[in-house]
C-alpha atoms as a PDB file:
ATOM      1  CA  MET A   1      10.307 132.782 -21.686  1.00  0.00           C
ATOM      2  CA  ILE A   2      10.972 135.571 -23.991  1.00  0.00           C
ATOM      3  CA  LEU A   3       9.195 137.773 -24.038  1.00  0.00           C
ATOM      4  CA  SER A   4       9.277 141.137 -26.148  1.00  0.00           C
ATOM      5  CA  PRO A   5      10.817 144.907 -25.683  1.00  0.00           C
ATOM      6  CA  GLY A   6       7.571 146.475 -23.805  1.00  0.00           C
ATOM      7  CA  THR A   7       6.058 143.942 -22.692  1.00  0.00           C
ATOM      8  CA  LEU A   8       3.774 145.088 -19.509  1.00  0.00           C
ATOM      9  CA  VAL A   9       4.184 142.724 -16.811  1.00  0.00           C
ATOM     10  CA  ALA A  10       1.330 143.319 -13.898  1.00  0.00           C
ATOM     11  CA  VAL A  11       2.771 141.059 -10.507  1.00  0.00           C
ATOM     12  CA  VAL A  12      -0.642 140.301  -8.794  1.00  0.00           C
ATOM     13  CA  ASP A  13      -2.004 139.215  -5.686  1.00  0.00           C
ATOM     14  CA  GLY A  14      -5.297 139.486  -2.978  1.00  0.00           C
ATOM     15  CA  GLU A  15      -3.607 143.047  -1.441  1.00  0.00           C
ATOM     16  CA  LYS A  16      -1.049 144.083  -3.889  1.00  0.00           C
ATOM     17  CA  LEU A  17      -0.279 145.512  -7.928  1.00  0.00           C
ATOM     18  CA  ALA A  18       3.186 145.673  -9.435  1.00  0.00           C
ATOM     19  CA  LEU A  19       4.250 146.976 -12.847  1.00  0.00           C
ATOM     20  CA  PHE A  20       7.074 146.299 -14.401  1.00  0.00           C
ATOM     21  CA  GLU A  21       8.182 147.301 -18.691  1.00  0.00           C
ATOM     22  CA  ASN A  22      10.057 144.172 -20.048  1.00  0.00           C
ATOM     23  CA  THR A  23      13.492 147.448 -21.435  1.00  0.00           C
ATOM     24  CA  GLY A  24      15.777 144.840 -22.129  1.00  0.00           C
ATOM     25  CA  HIS A  25      16.493 143.510 -25.887  1.00  0.00           C
ATOM     26  CA  GLN A  26      18.856 139.883 -25.388  1.00  0.00           C
ATOM     27  CA  SER A  27      17.308 138.932 -21.978  1.00  0.00           C
ATOM     28  CA  ILE A  28      14.310 139.803 -19.320  1.00  0.00           C
ATOM     29  CA  VAL A  29      15.605 143.504 -17.690  1.00  0.00           C
ATOM     30  CA  LEU A  30      12.441 144.864 -15.663  1.00  0.00           C
ATOM     31  CA  SER A  31      11.635 148.099 -15.818  1.00  0.00           C
ATOM     32  CA  PRO A  32       9.291 149.570 -11.992  1.00  0.00           C
ATOM     33  CA  ARG A  33       5.765 151.466 -13.961  1.00  0.00           C
ATOM     34  CA  PRO A  34       3.482 153.650 -11.993  1.00  0.00           C
ATOM     35  CA  THR A  35       0.794 151.334 -10.313  1.00  0.00           C
ATOM     36  CA  PRO A  36      -2.422 152.889 -10.919  1.00  0.00           C
ATOM     37  CA  ALA A  37      -4.811 153.533  -7.812  1.00  0.00           C
ATOM     38  CA  ILE A  38      -7.641 150.570  -8.321  1.00  0.00           C
ATOM     39  CA  ALA A  39     -10.964 151.036  -7.349  1.00  0.00           C
ATOM     40  CA  GLU A  40     -12.424 149.032  -4.271  1.00  0.00           C
ATOM     41  CA  ARG A  41     -15.308 146.555  -5.264  1.00  0.00           C
ATOM     42  CA  ALA A  42     -16.894 145.130  -2.498  1.00  0.00           C
ATOM     43  CA  SER A  43     -17.146 141.232  -3.742  1.00  0.00           C
ATOM     44  CA  GLY A  44     -15.995 139.311  -6.680  1.00  0.00           C
ATOM     45  CA  ALA A  45     -17.365 137.152  -8.459  1.00  0.00           C
ATOM     46  CA  ALA A  46     -21.397 137.583  -8.381  1.00  0.00           C
ATOM     47  CA  GLY A  47     -23.617 135.763  -5.946  1.00  0.00           C
ATOM     48  CA  ARG A  48     -20.165 134.356  -3.674  1.00  0.00           C
ATOM     49  CA  GLY A  49     -21.594 135.541  -0.502  1.00  0.00           C
ATOM     50  CA  SER A  50     -19.668 135.025   3.190  1.00  0.00           C
ATOM     51  CA  SER A  51     -21.040 132.471   4.982  1.00  0.00           C
ATOM     52  CA  GLU A  52     -19.765 129.433   7.291  1.00  0.00           C
ATOM     53  CA  ALA A  53     -18.313 127.629   4.502  1.00  0.00           C
ATOM     54  CA  ASN A  54     -17.031 131.373   3.916  1.00  0.00           C
ATOM     55  CA  PRO A  55     -16.130 132.580   6.677  1.00  0.00           C
ATOM     56  CA  ASP A  56     -13.945 135.762   6.137  1.00  0.00           C
ATOM     57  CA  ASN A  57     -14.000 138.980   4.663  1.00  0.00           C
ATOM     58  CA  ASP A  58     -10.681 138.091   3.600  1.00  0.00           C
ATOM     59  CA  THR A  59     -11.559 136.219   0.317  1.00  0.00           C
ATOM     60  CA  GLN A  60     -14.391 138.989  -0.950  1.00  0.00           C
ATOM     61  CA  ALA A  61     -11.564 141.677  -0.203  1.00  0.00           C
ATOM     62  CA  GLU A  62      -9.215 139.694  -2.911  1.00  0.00           C
ATOM     63  CA  ASP A  63     -11.145 138.683  -5.267  1.00  0.00           C
ATOM     64  CA  GLY A  64     -12.873 142.242  -5.241  1.00  0.00           C
ATOM     65  CA  PHE A  65      -9.014 143.393  -5.332  1.00  0.00           C
ATOM     66  CA  ALA A  66      -8.289 141.114  -8.606  1.00  0.00           C
ATOM     67  CA  MET A  67     -11.697 142.452  -9.859  1.00  0.00           C
ATOM     68  CA  GLY A  68     -10.554 145.838  -9.660  1.00  0.00           C
ATOM     69  CA  VAL A  69      -7.018 145.025 -10.939  1.00  0.00           C
ATOM     70  CA  ALA A  70      -8.675 143.418 -14.341  1.00  0.00           C
ATOM     71  CA  ASP A  71     -10.901 145.934 -14.765  1.00  0.00           C
ATOM     72  CA  VAL A  72      -7.514 148.797 -14.301  1.00  0.00           C
ATOM     73  CA  LEU A  73      -5.334 146.698 -17.011  1.00  0.00           C
ATOM     74  CA  ASN A  74      -8.889 145.769 -19.195  1.00  0.00           C
ATOM     75  CA  LYS A  75      -9.455 149.807 -19.111  1.00  0.00           C
ATOM     76  CA  SER A  76      -5.262 150.205 -20.137  1.00  0.00           C
ATOM     77  CA  VAL A  77      -6.256 147.395 -22.950  1.00  0.00           C
ATOM     78  CA  LEU A  78      -8.779 149.226 -24.179  1.00  0.00           C
ATOM     79  CA  ALA A  79      -6.801 152.717 -24.602  1.00  0.00           C
ATOM     80  CA  ASN A  80      -4.266 150.894 -26.660  1.00  0.00           C
ATOM     81  CA  LYS A  81      -1.513 151.444 -23.505  1.00  0.00           C
ATOM     82  CA  ILE A  82      -0.780 147.760 -23.308  1.00  0.00           C
ATOM     83  CA  GLU A  83       0.225 145.615 -26.746  1.00  0.00           C
ATOM     84  CA  HIS A  84       1.797 142.455 -24.577  1.00  0.00           C
ATOM     85  CA  LEU A  85       0.776 141.464 -21.413  1.00  0.00           C
ATOM     86  CA  LEU A  86       2.594 139.278 -19.217  1.00  0.00           C
ATOM     87  CA  VAL A  87       0.481 138.364 -15.475  1.00  0.00           C
ATOM     88  CA  ILE A  88       2.186 136.442 -12.669  1.00  0.00           C
ATOM     89  CA  ALA A  89      -0.377 135.794  -9.227  1.00  0.00           C
ATOM     90  CA  ALA A  90      -0.670 133.711  -6.916  1.00  0.00           C
ATOM     91  CA  PRO A  91      -3.119 131.350  -8.274  1.00  0.00           C
ATOM     92  CA  LYS A  92      -6.363 131.772  -6.588  1.00  0.00           C
ATOM     93  CA  THR A  93      -6.360 135.898  -7.651  1.00  0.00           C
ATOM     94  CA  MET A  94      -5.218 134.353 -11.163  1.00  0.00           C
ATOM     95  CA  GLY A  95      -8.403 132.654 -11.365  1.00  0.00           C
ATOM     96  CA  GLN A  96     -10.572 135.639 -10.481  1.00  0.00           C
ATOM     97  CA  LEU A  97      -8.038 137.651 -13.071  1.00  0.00           C
ATOM     98  CA  ARG A  98      -9.304 135.634 -15.142  1.00  0.00           C
ATOM     99  CA  LYS A  99     -12.678 136.022 -14.905  1.00  0.00           C
ATOM    100  CA  GLY A 100     -12.248 139.936 -15.120  1.00  0.00           C
ATOM    101  CA  TRP A 101     -10.971 139.749 -18.579  1.00  0.00           C
ATOM    102  CA  HIS A 102     -12.368 141.795 -21.577  1.00  0.00           C
ATOM    103  CA  LYS A 103     -11.861 140.123 -24.838  1.00  0.00           C
ATOM    104  CA  GLU A 104      -9.392 142.444 -26.065  1.00  0.00           C
ATOM    105  CA  THR A 105      -7.032 141.881 -22.794  1.00  0.00           C
ATOM    106  CA  ALA A 106      -7.180 138.469 -22.833  1.00  0.00           C
ATOM    107  CA  ALA A 107      -6.158 138.632 -26.584  1.00  0.00           C
ATOM    108  CA  ARG A 108      -3.296 140.569 -25.889  1.00  0.00           C
ATOM    109  CA  ILE A 109      -1.763 138.461 -22.253  1.00  0.00           C
ATOM    110  CA  VAL A 110       1.417 136.372 -23.797  1.00  0.00           C
ATOM    111  CA  GLY A 111       1.375 134.737 -20.310  1.00  0.00           C
ATOM    112  CA  GLU A 112       0.139 134.065 -16.625  1.00  0.00           C
ATOM    113  CA  ILE A 113       2.652 132.446 -14.758  1.00  0.00           C
ATOM    114  CA  SER A 114       0.555 131.726 -11.179  1.00  0.00           C
ATOM    115  CA  LYS A 115       2.787 132.296  -8.359  1.00  0.00           C
ATOM    116  CA  ASP A 116       3.161 134.815  -5.807  1.00  0.00           C
ATOM    117  CA  LEU A 117       5.413 136.597  -6.461  1.00  0.00           C
ATOM    118  CA  THR A 118       5.062 140.514  -5.260  1.00  0.00           C
ATOM    119  CA  GLY A 119       7.215 141.778  -2.853  1.00  0.00           C
ATOM    120  CA  HIS A 120      10.398 139.865  -4.718  1.00  0.00           C
ATOM    121  CA  SER A 121      12.969 142.345  -6.683  1.00  0.00           C
ATOM    122  CA  ALA A 122      12.678 142.588 -10.254  1.00  0.00           C
ATOM    123  CA  ASP A 123      16.323 140.516 -10.804  1.00  0.00           C
ATOM    124  CA  GLN A 124      13.799 137.999  -9.319  1.00  0.00           C
ATOM    125  CA  ILE A 125      10.838 138.162 -11.247  1.00  0.00           C
ATOM    126  CA  ALA A 126      13.007 138.418 -14.519  1.00  0.00           C
ATOM    127  CA  GLU A 127      14.413 134.910 -13.560  1.00  0.00           C
ATOM    128  CA  ALA A 128      11.197 133.686 -12.801  1.00  0.00           C
ATOM    129  CA  ILE A 129      10.051 134.305 -15.571  1.00  0.00           C
ATOM    130  CA  GLN A 130      13.343 133.479 -17.525  1.00  0.00           C
ATOM    131  CA  LYS A 131      12.323 129.699 -16.243  1.00  0.00           C
ATOM    132  CA  ALA A 132       8.938 129.423 -16.904  1.00  0.00           C
END
């Protein structure tokens, strides 16, 4: 995958968000960006409650975190702070994020990689992007 300079890369799982900006011109060079505070959401998808099929609150917390990330990224897009966005997220988290995208955010997404790369170095993430 080729990223244009200035593309924001969001690396997300159910608990963490890491942001990077591609500062490379010929190749992908990821520079860390400040991570905004994510508002705690009581639960993710509407109508999804704890049940025998979903006995713990961890899933709800992860879904709520993903929706909080979507809110933060939506606000940045609507404030014209993000022109191009690449999202790398654990598969389940990616599904929740997609539910929360504003149509303008969805239009600015240049790619998605469904893989959990939180906790990886910028170089490892750049390598995964190049292979995608």
